[in-house]
PDB file of N, CA and C in Angstrom:
ATOM      1  N   VAL A   1     109.592 -49.654  67.399  1.00  0.00           N
ATOM      2  CA  VAL A   1     108.495 -49.795  68.282  1.00  0.00           C
ATOM      3  C   VAL A   1     108.560 -48.640  69.474  1.00  0.00           C
ATOM      4  N   LEU A   2     109.659 -48.388  69.867  1.00  0.00           N
ATOM      5  CA  LEU A   2     109.840 -47.238  70.876  1.00  0.00           C
ATOM      6  C   LEU A   2     109.420 -45.829  70.295  1.00  0.00           C
ATOM      7  N   ALA A   3     109.908 -45.697  69.139  1.00  0.00           N
ATOM      8  CA  ALA A   3     109.407 -44.439  68.358  1.00  0.00           C
ATOM      9  C   ALA A   3     107.918 -44.343  68.237  1.00  0.00           C
ATOM     10  N   HIS A   4     107.356 -45.387  67.826  1.00  0.00           N
ATOM     11  CA  HIS A   4     105.843 -45.493  67.705  1.00  0.00           C
ATOM     12  C   HIS A   4     105.119 -45.183  69.137  1.00  0.00           C
ATOM     13  N   LEU A   5     105.601 -45.670  70.190  1.00  0.00           N
ATOM     14  CA  LEU A   5     105.013 -45.624  71.538  1.00  0.00           C
ATOM     15  C   LEU A   5     105.098 -43.992  71.927  1.00  0.00           C
ATOM     16  N   LEU A   6     106.308 -43.427  71.626  1.00  0.00           N
ATOM     17  CA  LEU A   6     106.530 -42.007  71.965  1.00  0.00           C
ATOM     18  C   LEU A   6     105.726 -41.129  71.127  1.00  0.00           C
ATOM     19  N   MET A   7     105.536 -41.519  69.812  1.00  0.00           N
ATOM     20  CA  MET A   7     104.522 -40.659  68.899  1.00  0.00           C
ATOM     21  C   MET A   7     103.042 -40.847  69.438  1.00  0.00           C
ATOM     22  N   ASN A   8     102.750 -42.006  69.862  1.00  0.00           N
ATOM     23  CA  ASN A   8     101.331 -42.130  70.387  1.00  0.00           C
ATOM     24  C   ASN A   8     101.226 -41.283  71.622  1.00  0.00           C
ATOM     25  N   GLY A   9     102.110 -41.350  72.462  1.00  0.00           N
ATOM     26  CA  GLY A   9     102.195 -40.510  73.691  1.00  0.00           C
ATOM     27  C   GLY A   9     101.968 -38.950  73.292  1.00  0.00           C
ATOM     28  N   MET A  10     102.747 -38.470  72.302  1.00  0.00           N
ATOM     29  CA  MET A  10     102.602 -37.138  71.967  1.00  0.00           C
ATOM     30  C   MET A  10     101.266 -36.882  71.205  1.00  0.00           C
ATOM     31  N   LYS A  11     100.707 -37.800  70.443  1.00  0.00           N
ATOM     32  CA  LYS A  11      99.566 -37.657  69.673  1.00  0.00           C
ATOM     33  C   LYS A  11      98.299 -37.411  70.569  1.00  0.00           C
ATOM     34  N   PHE A  12      98.336 -38.059  71.781  1.00  0.00           N
ATOM     35  CA  PHE A  12      97.206 -38.130  72.618  1.00  0.00           C
ATOM     36  C   PHE A  12      97.367 -37.228  73.832  1.00  0.00           C
ATOM     37  N   THR A  13      98.519 -36.539  73.876  1.00  0.00           N
ATOM     38  CA  THR A  13      98.732 -35.675  75.086  1.00  0.00           C
ATOM     39  C   THR A  13      98.517 -34.302  74.608  1.00  0.00           C
ATOM     40  N   ARG A  14      97.388 -33.653  74.928  1.00  0.00           N
ATOM     41  CA  ARG A  14      97.041 -32.297  74.412  1.00  0.00           C
ATOM     42  C   ARG A  14      97.782 -31.354  75.235  1.00  0.00           C
ATOM     43  N   LEU A  15      97.977 -31.555  76.561  1.00  0.00           N
ATOM     44  CA  LEU A  15      98.618 -30.661  77.414  1.00  0.00           C
ATOM     45  C   LEU A  15      99.372 -31.390  78.496  1.00  0.00           C
ATOM     46  N   GLY A  16     100.683 -31.096  78.644  1.00  0.00           N
ATOM     47  CA  GLY A  16     101.443 -31.872  79.737  1.00  0.00           C
ATOM     48  C   GLY A  16     102.631 -32.315  79.038  1.00  0.00           C
ATOM     49  N   SER A  17     103.071 -33.628  79.340  1.00  0.00           N
ATOM     50  CA  SER A  17     104.442 -34.016  79.011  1.00  0.00           C
ATOM     51  C   SER A  17     104.312 -35.655  78.533  1.00  0.00           C
ATOM     52  N   VAL A  18     105.362 -36.022  77.790  1.00  0.00           N
ATOM     53  CA  VAL A  18     105.557 -37.428  77.489  1.00  0.00           C
ATOM     54  C   VAL A  18     107.001 -37.687  77.772  1.00  0.00           C
ATOM     55  N   THR A  19     107.327 -38.673  78.627  1.00  0.00           N
ATOM     56  CA  THR A  19     108.657 -38.864  79.193  1.00  0.00           C
ATOM     57  C   THR A  19     109.091 -40.317  78.904  1.00  0.00           C
ATOM     58  N   LEU A  20     110.379 -40.418  78.457  1.00  0.00           N
ATOM     59  CA  LEU A  20     110.903 -41.855  78.197  1.00  0.00           C
ATOM     60  C   LEU A  20     111.744 -42.131  79.390  1.00  0.00           C
ATOM     61  N   VAL A  21     111.533 -43.254  80.036  1.00  0.00           N
ATOM     62  CA  VAL A  21     112.392 -43.758  81.095  1.00  0.00           C
ATOM     63  C   VAL A  21     113.125 -45.038  80.752  1.00  0.00           C
ATOM     64  N   VAL A  22     114.477 -45.022  80.899  1.00  0.00           N
ATOM     65  CA  VAL A  22     115.132 -46.236  80.466  1.00  0.00           C
ATOM     66  C   VAL A  22     115.747 -46.759  81.802  1.00  0.00           C
ATOM     67  N   SER A  23     115.668 -48.028  82.062  1.00  0.00           N
ATOM     68  CA  SER A  23     116.182 -48.561  83.241  1.00  0.00           C
ATOM     69  C   SER A  23     116.871 -49.944  82.916  1.00  0.00           C
ATOM     70  N   TYR A  24     117.911 -50.315  83.782  1.00  0.00           N
ATOM     71  CA  TYR A  24     118.641 -51.495  83.620  1.00  0.00           C
ATOM     72  C   TYR A  24     118.665 -52.250  84.967  1.00  0.00           C
ATOM     73  N   ARG A  25     118.348 -53.588  84.974  1.00  0.00           N
ATOM     74  CA  ARG A  25     118.543 -54.388  86.139  1.00  0.00           C
ATOM     75  C   ARG A  25     119.340 -55.700  85.790  1.00  0.00           C
ATOM     76  N   SER A  26     120.306 -55.780  86.616  1.00  0.00           N
ATOM     77  CA  SER A  26     121.222 -56.892  86.510  1.00  0.00           C
ATOM     78  C   SER A  26     121.042 -57.920  87.618  1.00  0.00           C
ATOM     79  N   PRO A  27     120.645 -59.099  87.375  1.00  0.00           N
ATOM     80  CA  PRO A  27     120.508 -60.048  88.542  1.00  0.00           C
ATOM     81  C   PRO A  27     121.701 -60.310  89.408  1.00  0.00           C
ATOM     82  N   GLY A  28     122.849 -60.192  88.758  1.00  0.00           N
ATOM     83  CA  GLY A  28     124.067 -60.445  89.570  1.00  0.00           C
ATOM     84  C   GLY A  28     124.903 -59.178  89.883  1.00  0.00           C
ATOM     85  N   GLY A  29     124.265 -58.130  89.801  1.00  0.00           N
ATOM     86  CA  GLY A  29     125.053 -56.930  90.064  1.00  0.00           C
ATOM     87  C   GLY A  29     125.867 -56.356  88.978  1.00  0.00           C
ATOM     88  N   GLU A  30     126.787 -55.413  89.139  1.00  0.00           N
ATOM     89  CA  GLU A  30     127.651 -54.923  88.039  1.00  0.00           C
ATOM     90  C   GLU A  30     128.541 -55.937  87.451  1.00  0.00           C
ATOM     91  N   ALA A  31     128.812 -57.008  88.252  1.00  0.00           N
ATOM     92  CA  ALA A  31     129.738 -58.015  87.632  1.00  0.00           C
ATOM     93  C   ALA A  31     128.992 -58.819  86.494  1.00  0.00           C
ATOM     94  N   ASP A  32     127.686 -58.809  86.488  1.00  0.00           N
ATOM     95  CA  ASP A  32     126.994 -59.611  85.482  1.00  0.00           C
ATOM     96  C   ASP A  32     126.172 -58.698  84.529  1.00  0.00           C
ATOM     97  N   MET A  33     126.859 -57.915  84.006  1.00  0.00           N
ATOM     98  CA  MET A  33     126.198 -56.876  82.944  1.00  0.00           C
ATOM     99  C   MET A  33     125.693 -57.567  81.830  1.00  0.00           C
ATOM    100  N   ALA A  34     126.033 -58.840  81.345  1.00  0.00           N
ATOM    101  CA  ALA A  34     125.575 -59.476  80.099  1.00  0.00           C
ATOM    102  C   ALA A  34     124.301 -60.066  80.224  1.00  0.00           C
ATOM    103  N   SER A  35     123.828 -60.327  81.494  1.00  0.00           N
ATOM    104  CA  SER A  35     122.495 -60.977  81.569  1.00  0.00           C
ATOM    105  C   SER A  35     121.386 -60.090  82.247  1.00  0.00           C
ATOM    106  N   GLY A  36     121.616 -58.869  82.059  1.00  0.00           N
ATOM    107  CA  GLY A  36     120.565 -57.980  82.677  1.00  0.00           C
ATOM    108  C   GLY A  36     119.419 -57.737  81.713  1.00  0.00           C
ATOM    109  N   GLN A  37     118.571 -56.822  82.351  1.00  0.00           N
ATOM    110  CA  GLN A  37     117.292 -56.524  81.577  1.00  0.00           C
ATOM    111  C   GLN A  37     117.223 -54.982  81.358  1.00  0.00           C
ATOM    112  N   VAL A  38     116.856 -54.657  80.062  1.00  0.00           N
ATOM    113  CA  VAL A  38     116.528 -53.302  79.811  1.00  0.00           C
ATOM    114  C   VAL A  38     115.184 -52.901  79.803  1.00  0.00           C
ATOM    115  N   SER A  39     114.532 -51.936  80.421  1.00  0.00           N
ATOM    116  CA  SER A  39     113.162 -51.651  80.374  1.00  0.00           C
ATOM    117  C   SER A  39     113.035 -50.222  79.930  1.00  0.00           C
ATOM    118  N   PHE A  40     112.121 -50.048  78.991  1.00  0.00           N
ATOM    119  CA  PHE A  40     111.666 -48.699  78.464  1.00  0.00           C
ATOM    120  C   PHE A  40     110.317 -48.420  78.931  1.00  0.00           C
ATOM    121  N   SER A  41     110.060 -47.177  79.488  1.00  0.00           N
ATOM    122  CA  SER A  41     108.652 -46.836  79.862  1.00  0.00           C
ATOM    123  C   SER A  41     108.397 -45.461  79.167  1.00  0.00           C
ATOM    124  N   VAL A  42     107.256 -45.409  78.588  1.00  0.00           N
ATOM    125  CA  VAL A  42     106.838 -44.135  78.026  1.00  0.00           C
ATOM    126  C   VAL A  42     105.764 -43.709  78.923  1.00  0.00           C
ATOM    127  N   LYS A  43     105.861 -42.612  79.517  1.00  0.00           N
ATOM    128  CA  LYS A  43     104.883 -41.988  80.528  1.00  0.00           C
ATOM    129  C   LYS A  43     104.346 -40.671  79.885  1.00  0.00           C
ATOM    130  N   SER A  44     103.046 -40.477  80.084  1.00  0.00           N
ATOM    131  CA  SER A  44     102.440 -39.289  79.453  1.00  0.00           C
ATOM    132  C   SER A  44     101.231 -38.749  80.459  1.00  0.00           C
ATOM    133  N   THR A  45     100.962 -37.599  80.190  1.00  0.00           N
ATOM    134  CA  THR A  45      99.963 -36.954  81.139  1.00  0.00           C
ATOM    135  C   THR A  45      98.597 -36.909  80.234  1.00  0.00           C
ATOM    136  N   SER A  46      98.585 -37.898  79.221  1.00  0.00           N
ATOM    137  CA  SER A  46      97.263 -38.002  78.425  1.00  0.00           C
ATOM    138  C   SER A  46      96.209 -38.464  79.211  1.00  0.00           C
ATOM    139  N   PRO A  47      94.888 -38.414  78.841  1.00  0.00           N
ATOM    140  CA  PRO A  47      93.790 -38.969  79.558  1.00  0.00           C
ATOM    141  C   PRO A  47      93.967 -40.313  79.746  1.00  0.00           C
ATOM    142  N   ARG A  48      93.569 -40.972  80.890  1.00  0.00           N
ATOM    143  CA  ARG A  48      93.704 -42.349  81.224  1.00  0.00           C
ATOM    144  C   ARG A  48      92.891 -43.215  80.351  1.00  0.00           C
ATOM    145  N   ILE A  49      93.344 -44.377  80.178  1.00  0.00           N
ATOM    146  CA  ILE A  49      92.527 -45.454  79.371  1.00  0.00           C
ATOM    147  C   ILE A  49      91.850 -46.283  80.322  1.00  0.00           C
ATOM    148  N   ALA A  50      90.589 -46.483  80.165  1.00  0.00           N
ATOM    149  CA  ALA A  50      89.745 -47.299  80.952  1.00  0.00           C
ATOM    150  C   ALA A  50      90.334 -48.669  81.127  1.00  0.00           C
ATOM    151  N   GLU A  51      90.369 -49.248  82.339  1.00  0.00           N
ATOM    152  CA  GLU A  51      91.006 -50.588  82.633  1.00  0.00           C
ATOM    153  C   GLU A  51      90.395 -51.699  81.796  1.00  0.00           C
ATOM    154  N   ASN A  52      89.061 -51.669  81.399  1.00  0.00           N
ATOM    155  CA  ASN A  52      88.522 -52.664  80.569  1.00  0.00           C
ATOM    156  C   ASN A  52      88.940 -52.470  79.059  1.00  0.00           C
ATOM    157  N   ASP A  53      89.394 -51.368  78.704  1.00  0.00           N
ATOM    158  CA  ASP A  53      89.789 -51.054  77.340  1.00  0.00           C
ATOM    159  C   ASP A  53      91.220 -51.532  76.984  1.00  0.00           C
ATOM    160  N   ILE A  54      92.052 -51.738  78.108  1.00  0.00           N
ATOM    161  CA  ILE A  54      93.498 -52.067  77.922  1.00  0.00           C
ATOM    162  C   ILE A  54      93.725 -53.253  77.031  1.00  0.00           C
ATOM    163  N   PRO A  55      93.113 -54.395  77.256  1.00  0.00           N
ATOM    164  CA  PRO A  55      93.295 -55.483  76.427  1.00  0.00           C
ATOM    165  C   PRO A  55      92.897 -55.311  74.873  1.00  0.00           C
ATOM    166  N   ALA A  56      92.026 -54.332  74.634  1.00  0.00           N
ATOM    167  CA  ALA A  56      91.748 -54.123  73.174  1.00  0.00           C
ATOM    168  C   ALA A  56      92.785 -53.368  72.471  1.00  0.00           C
ATOM    169  N   LEU A  57      93.654 -52.677  73.261  1.00  0.00           N
ATOM    170  CA  LEU A  57      94.656 -51.833  72.522  1.00  0.00           C
ATOM    171  C   LEU A  57      95.465 -52.679  71.547  1.00  0.00           C
ATOM    172  N   TRP A  58      95.733 -53.874  71.884  1.00  0.00           N
ATOM    173  CA  TRP A  58      96.616 -54.648  71.061  1.00  0.00           C
ATOM    174  C   TRP A  58      95.864 -55.353  69.809  1.00  0.00           C
ATOM    175  N   GLN A  59      94.511 -55.075  69.620  1.00  0.00           N
ATOM    176  CA  GLN A  59      93.759 -55.745  68.583  1.00  0.00           C
ATOM    177  C   GLN A  59      93.961 -54.877  67.335  1.00  0.00           C
ATOM    178  N   LYS A  60      93.785 -55.507  66.242  1.00  0.00           N
ATOM    179  CA  LYS A  60      93.849 -54.801  64.906  1.00  0.00           C
ATOM    180  C   LYS A  60      92.643 -53.849  64.739  1.00  0.00           C
ATOM    181  N   TYR A  61      92.887 -52.617  64.273  1.00  0.00           N
ATOM    182  CA  TYR A  61      91.743 -51.720  63.883  1.00  0.00           C
ATOM    183  C   TYR A  61      90.979 -51.089  65.040  1.00  0.00           C
ATOM    184  N   TRP A  62      91.457 -51.438  66.307  1.00  0.00           N
ATOM    185  CA  TRP A  62      90.697 -50.826  67.490  1.00  0.00           C
ATOM    186  C   TRP A  62      91.054 -49.534  67.708  1.00  0.00           C
ATOM    187  N   GLN A  63      90.235 -48.506  67.783  1.00  0.00           N
ATOM    188  CA  GLN A  63      90.450 -47.201  68.140  1.00  0.00           C
ATOM    189  C   GLN A  63      89.690 -46.621  69.180  1.00  0.00           C
ATOM    190  N   GLY A  64      89.202 -47.329  70.109  1.00  0.00           N
ATOM    191  CA  GLY A  64      88.383 -46.815  71.219  1.00  0.00           C
ATOM    192  C   GLY A  64      87.072 -47.426  71.323  1.00  0.00           C
ATOM    193  N   SER A  65      86.550 -47.147  72.450  1.00  0.00           N
ATOM    194  CA  SER A  65      85.178 -47.867  72.775  1.00  0.00           C
ATOM    195  C   SER A  65      84.164 -46.674  72.814  1.00  0.00           C
ATOM    196  N   PRO A  66      82.977 -46.993  72.786  1.00  0.00           N
ATOM    197  CA  PRO A  66      81.799 -46.074  72.875  1.00  0.00           C
ATOM    198  C   PRO A  66      81.841 -45.263  74.154  1.00  0.00           C
ATOM    199  N   ALA A  67      81.421 -44.056  74.130  1.00  0.00           N
ATOM    200  CA  ALA A  67      81.487 -43.172  75.239  1.00  0.00           C
ATOM    201  C   ALA A  67      80.674 -43.793  76.306  1.00  0.00           C
ATOM    202  N   ARG A  68      81.096 -43.645  77.603  1.00  0.00           N
ATOM    203  CA  ARG A  68      80.367 -44.099  78.683  1.00  0.00           C
ATOM    204  C   ARG A  68      79.419 -43.065  79.449  1.00  0.00           C
ATOM    205  N   GLY A  69      78.427 -43.462  79.885  1.00  0.00           N
ATOM    206  CA  GLY A  69      77.452 -42.563  80.546  1.00  0.00           C
ATOM    207  C   GLY A  69      77.786 -42.209  81.973  1.00  0.00           C
ATOM    208  N   ASP A  70      78.867 -42.879  82.548  1.00  0.00           N
ATOM    209  CA  ASP A  70      79.161 -42.604  83.907  1.00  0.00           C
ATOM    210  C   ASP A  70      80.261 -41.397  84.076  1.00  0.00           C
ATOM    211  N   GLY A  71      80.567 -40.770  83.072  1.00  0.00           N
ATOM    212  CA  GLY A  71      81.559 -39.633  83.195  1.00  0.00           C
ATOM    213  C   GLY A  71      83.024 -40.119  83.359  1.00  0.00           C
ATOM    214  N   SER A  72      83.271 -41.362  83.283  1.00  0.00           N
ATOM    215  CA  SER A  72      84.689 -41.769  83.440  1.00  0.00           C
ATOM    216  C   SER A  72      85.346 -41.545  82.091  1.00  0.00           C
ATOM    217  N   SER A  73      86.674 -41.299  82.200  1.00  0.00           N
ATOM    218  CA  SER A  73      87.579 -41.233  80.966  1.00  0.00           C
ATOM    219  C   SER A  73      87.531 -42.581  80.390  1.00  0.00           C
ATOM    220  N   SER A  74      87.524 -42.521  79.006  1.00  0.00           N
ATOM    221  CA  SER A  74      87.613 -43.807  78.310  1.00  0.00           C
ATOM    222  C   SER A  74      88.414 -43.470  77.096  1.00  0.00           C
ATOM    223  N   SER A  75      88.929 -44.554  76.372  1.00  0.00           N
ATOM    224  CA  SER A  75      89.552 -44.484  75.144  1.00  0.00           C
ATOM    225  C   SER A  75      88.812 -43.735  74.161  1.00  0.00           C
ATOM    226  N   SER A  76      87.608 -43.694  74.205  1.00  0.00           N
ATOM    227  CA  SER A  76      86.762 -42.949  73.219  1.00  0.00           C
ATOM    228  C   SER A  76      87.088 -41.401  73.152  1.00  0.00           C
ATOM    229  N   TYR A  77      87.482 -40.895  74.290  1.00  0.00           N
ATOM    230  CA  TYR A  77      87.832 -39.470  74.402  1.00  0.00           C
ATOM    231  C   TYR A  77      89.180 -39.407  73.514  1.00  0.00           C
ATOM    232  N   LEU A  78      90.066 -40.260  73.561  1.00  0.00           N
ATOM    233  CA  LEU A  78      91.211 -40.202  72.732  1.00  0.00           C
ATOM    234  C   LEU A  78      90.992 -40.217  71.226  1.00  0.00           C
ATOM    235  N   VAL A  79      89.969 -41.191  70.899  1.00  0.00           N
ATOM    236  CA  VAL A  79      89.563 -41.204  69.575  1.00  0.00           C
ATOM    237  C   VAL A  79      89.021 -39.956  69.025  1.00  0.00           C
ATOM    238  N   GLU A  80      88.119 -39.481  69.900  1.00  0.00           N
ATOM    239  CA  GLU A  80      87.457 -38.166  69.481  1.00  0.00           C
ATOM    240  C   GLU A  80      88.425 -36.943  69.390  1.00  0.00           C
ATOM    241  N   THR A  81      89.493 -37.055  70.102  1.00  0.00           N
ATOM    242  CA  THR A  81      90.370 -35.798  70.068  1.00  0.00           C
ATOM    243  C   THR A  81      91.630 -35.862  69.248  1.00  0.00           C
ATOM    244  N   ALA A  82      91.950 -37.121  68.825  1.00  0.00           N
ATOM    245  CA  ALA A  82      93.269 -37.144  68.098  1.00  0.00           C
ATOM    246  C   ALA A  82      93.514 -38.444  67.408  1.00  0.00           C
ATOM    247  N   THR A  83      92.754 -38.777  66.381  1.00  0.00           N
ATOM    248  CA  THR A  83      93.086 -40.076  65.707  1.00  0.00           C
ATOM    249  C   THR A  83      93.477 -39.794  64.277  1.00  0.00           C
ATOM    250  N   ASP A  84      94.351 -40.541  63.895  1.00  0.00           N
ATOM    251  CA  ASP A  84      95.002 -40.737  62.524  1.00  0.00           C
ATOM    252  C   ASP A  84      95.320 -42.176  62.433  1.00  0.00           C
ATOM    253  N   GLY A  85      95.192 -42.789  61.220  1.00  0.00           N
ATOM    254  CA  GLY A  85      95.622 -44.060  60.916  1.00  0.00           C
ATOM    255  C   GLY A  85      94.556 -45.067  60.983  1.00  0.00           C
ATOM    256  N   LEU A  86      94.957 -46.298  60.953  1.00  0.00           N
ATOM    257  CA  LEU A  86      94.055 -47.467  60.923  1.00  0.00           C
ATOM    258  C   LEU A  86      93.845 -48.173  62.118  1.00  0.00           C
ATOM    259  N   GLY A  87      94.480 -47.862  63.132  1.00  0.00           N
ATOM    260  CA  GLY A  87      94.527 -48.696  64.430  1.00  0.00           C
ATOM    261  C   GLY A  87      95.351 -49.903  64.318  1.00  0.00           C
ATOM    262  N   LEU A  88      96.371 -49.902  63.618  1.00  0.00           N
ATOM    263  CA  LEU A  88      97.335 -51.087  63.523  1.00  0.00           C
ATOM    264  C   LEU A  88      98.638 -50.925  64.208  1.00  0.00           C
ATOM    265  N   GLY A  89      98.977 -49.691  64.533  1.00  0.00           N
ATOM    266  CA  GLY A  89     100.258 -49.448  65.147  1.00  0.00           C
ATOM    267  C   GLY A  89     100.540 -50.241  66.388  1.00  0.00           C
ATOM    268  N   LEU A  90      99.698 -50.244  67.313  1.00  0.00           N
ATOM    269  CA  LEU A  90      99.908 -50.897  68.625  1.00  0.00           C
ATOM    270  C   LEU A  90      99.842 -52.425  68.471  1.00  0.00           C
ATOM    271  N   ASN A  91      99.063 -52.858  67.518  1.00  0.00           N
ATOM    272  CA  ASN A  91      98.975 -54.338  67.279  1.00  0.00           C
ATOM    273  C   ASN A  91     100.354 -54.759  66.667  1.00  0.00           C
ATOM    274  N   VAL A  92     100.963 -54.136  65.662  1.00  0.00           N
ATOM    275  CA  VAL A  92     102.235 -54.289  65.146  1.00  0.00           C
ATOM    276  C   VAL A  92     103.238 -54.333  66.172  1.00  0.00           C
ATOM    277  N   ALA A  93     103.314 -53.234  67.002  1.00  0.00           N
ATOM    278  CA  ALA A  93     104.166 -53.168  68.082  1.00  0.00           C
ATOM    279  C   ALA A  93     104.228 -54.310  69.074  1.00  0.00           C
ATOM    280  N   PHE A  94     103.010 -54.577  69.429  1.00  0.00           N
ATOM    281  CA  PHE A  94     102.851 -55.713  70.411  1.00  0.00           C
ATOM    282  C   PHE A  94     103.343 -56.977  69.817  1.00  0.00           C
ATOM    283  N   ASN A  95     103.086 -57.275  68.576  1.00  0.00           N
ATOM    284  CA  ASN A  95     103.567 -58.520  67.925  1.00  0.00           C
ATOM    285  C   ASN A  95     105.052 -58.533  67.809  1.00  0.00           C
ATOM    286  N   LEU A  96     105.620 -57.450  67.362  1.00  0.00           N
ATOM    287  CA  LEU A  96     107.111 -57.248  67.151  1.00  0.00           C
ATOM    288  C   LEU A  96     107.924 -57.510  68.426  1.00  0.00           C
ATOM    289  N   VAL A  97     107.303 -56.937  69.490  1.00  0.00           N
ATOM    290  CA  VAL A  97     107.957 -57.086  70.828  1.00  0.00           C
ATOM    291  C   VAL A  97     107.811 -58.580  71.374  1.00  0.00           C
ATOM    292  N   GLN A  98     106.808 -59.181  71.016  1.00  0.00           N
ATOM    293  CA  GLN A  98     106.613 -60.662  71.374  1.00  0.00           C
ATOM    294  C   GLN A  98     107.660 -61.476  70.664  1.00  0.00           C
ATOM    295  N   LEU A  99     107.748 -61.150  69.401  1.00  0.00           N
ATOM    296  CA  LEU A  99     108.703 -61.925  68.454  1.00  0.00           C
ATOM    297  C   LEU A  99     110.114 -61.708  69.132  1.00  0.00           C
ATOM    298  N   MET A 100     110.483 -60.670  69.693  1.00  0.00           N
ATOM    299  CA  MET A 100     111.767 -60.374  70.210  1.00  0.00           C
ATOM    300  C   MET A 100     111.904 -61.069  71.605  1.00  0.00           C
ATOM    301  N   GLY A 101     110.876 -61.796  72.145  1.00  0.00           N
ATOM    302  CA  GLY A 101     110.922 -62.436  73.422  1.00  0.00           C
ATOM    303  C   GLY A 101     110.613 -61.641  74.523  1.00  0.00           C
ATOM    304  N   SER A 102     109.908 -60.397  74.301  1.00  0.00           N
ATOM    305  CA  SER A 102     109.633 -59.543  75.510  1.00  0.00           C
ATOM    306  C   SER A 102     108.077 -59.232  75.442  1.00  0.00           C
ATOM    307  N   GLU A 103     107.669 -58.219  76.104  1.00  0.00           N
ATOM    308  CA  GLU A 103     106.227 -57.920  76.165  1.00  0.00           C
ATOM    309  C   GLU A 103     106.003 -56.402  76.324  1.00  0.00           C
ATOM    310  N   LEU A 104     104.880 -55.941  75.963  1.00  0.00           N
ATOM    311  CA  LEU A 104     104.337 -54.549  76.144  1.00  0.00           C
ATOM    312  C   LEU A 104     103.285 -54.656  77.155  1.00  0.00           C
ATOM    313  N   LYS A 105     103.355 -53.779  78.100  1.00  0.00           N
ATOM    314  CA  LYS A 105     102.334 -53.703  79.180  1.00  0.00           C
ATOM    315  C   LYS A 105     101.893 -52.188  79.200  1.00  0.00           C
ATOM    316  N   VAL A 106     100.610 -52.005  79.713  1.00  0.00           N
ATOM    317  CA  VAL A 106     100.008 -50.661  79.820  1.00  0.00           C
ATOM    318  C   VAL A 106      99.597 -50.551  81.321  1.00  0.00           C
ATOM    319  N   LYS A 107      99.879 -49.471  81.841  1.00  0.00           N
ATOM    320  CA  LYS A 107      99.411 -49.103  83.098  1.00  0.00           C
ATOM    321  C   LYS A 107      98.849 -47.740  83.201  1.00  0.00           C
ATOM    322  N   SER A 108      97.627 -47.469  83.342  1.00  0.00           N
ATOM    323  CA  SER A 108      96.852 -46.341  83.166  1.00  0.00           C
ATOM    324  C   SER A 108      96.382 -45.990  84.549  1.00  0.00           C
ATOM    325  N   THR A 109      96.829 -44.765  84.994  1.00  0.00           N
ATOM    326  CA  THR A 109      96.295 -44.290  86.373  1.00  0.00           C
ATOM    327  C   THR A 109      95.920 -42.818  86.221  1.00  0.00           C
ATOM    328  N   ASP A 110      95.108 -42.296  87.151  1.00  0.00           N
ATOM    329  CA  ASP A 110      94.702 -40.953  87.138  1.00  0.00           C
ATOM    330  C   ASP A 110      95.824 -40.076  87.658  1.00  0.00           C
TER     331      ASP A 110
END
């Protein structure tokens, strides 16, 4: 799953960077290392994803929405610039992570 998210970051970042951030939080401090939480974040300088497109990322075969007339960045930009595949990768990743008892989140900012 993590490799897929990194590859997506690289696929849609034409110029800039893709960064993997790993963090660990332990509710009881260092003495309680067994019950902590590991978080992975993939950050990129790719074009932002429109807020209303984020829920659709997890759907099968979804590869972007139609272009908007308001000049805002949208996922359709990503589709027009760098698509390969069927649009199943994020759906599979989302479901695998849920089966492991965790979650995938997206935060898209300018």
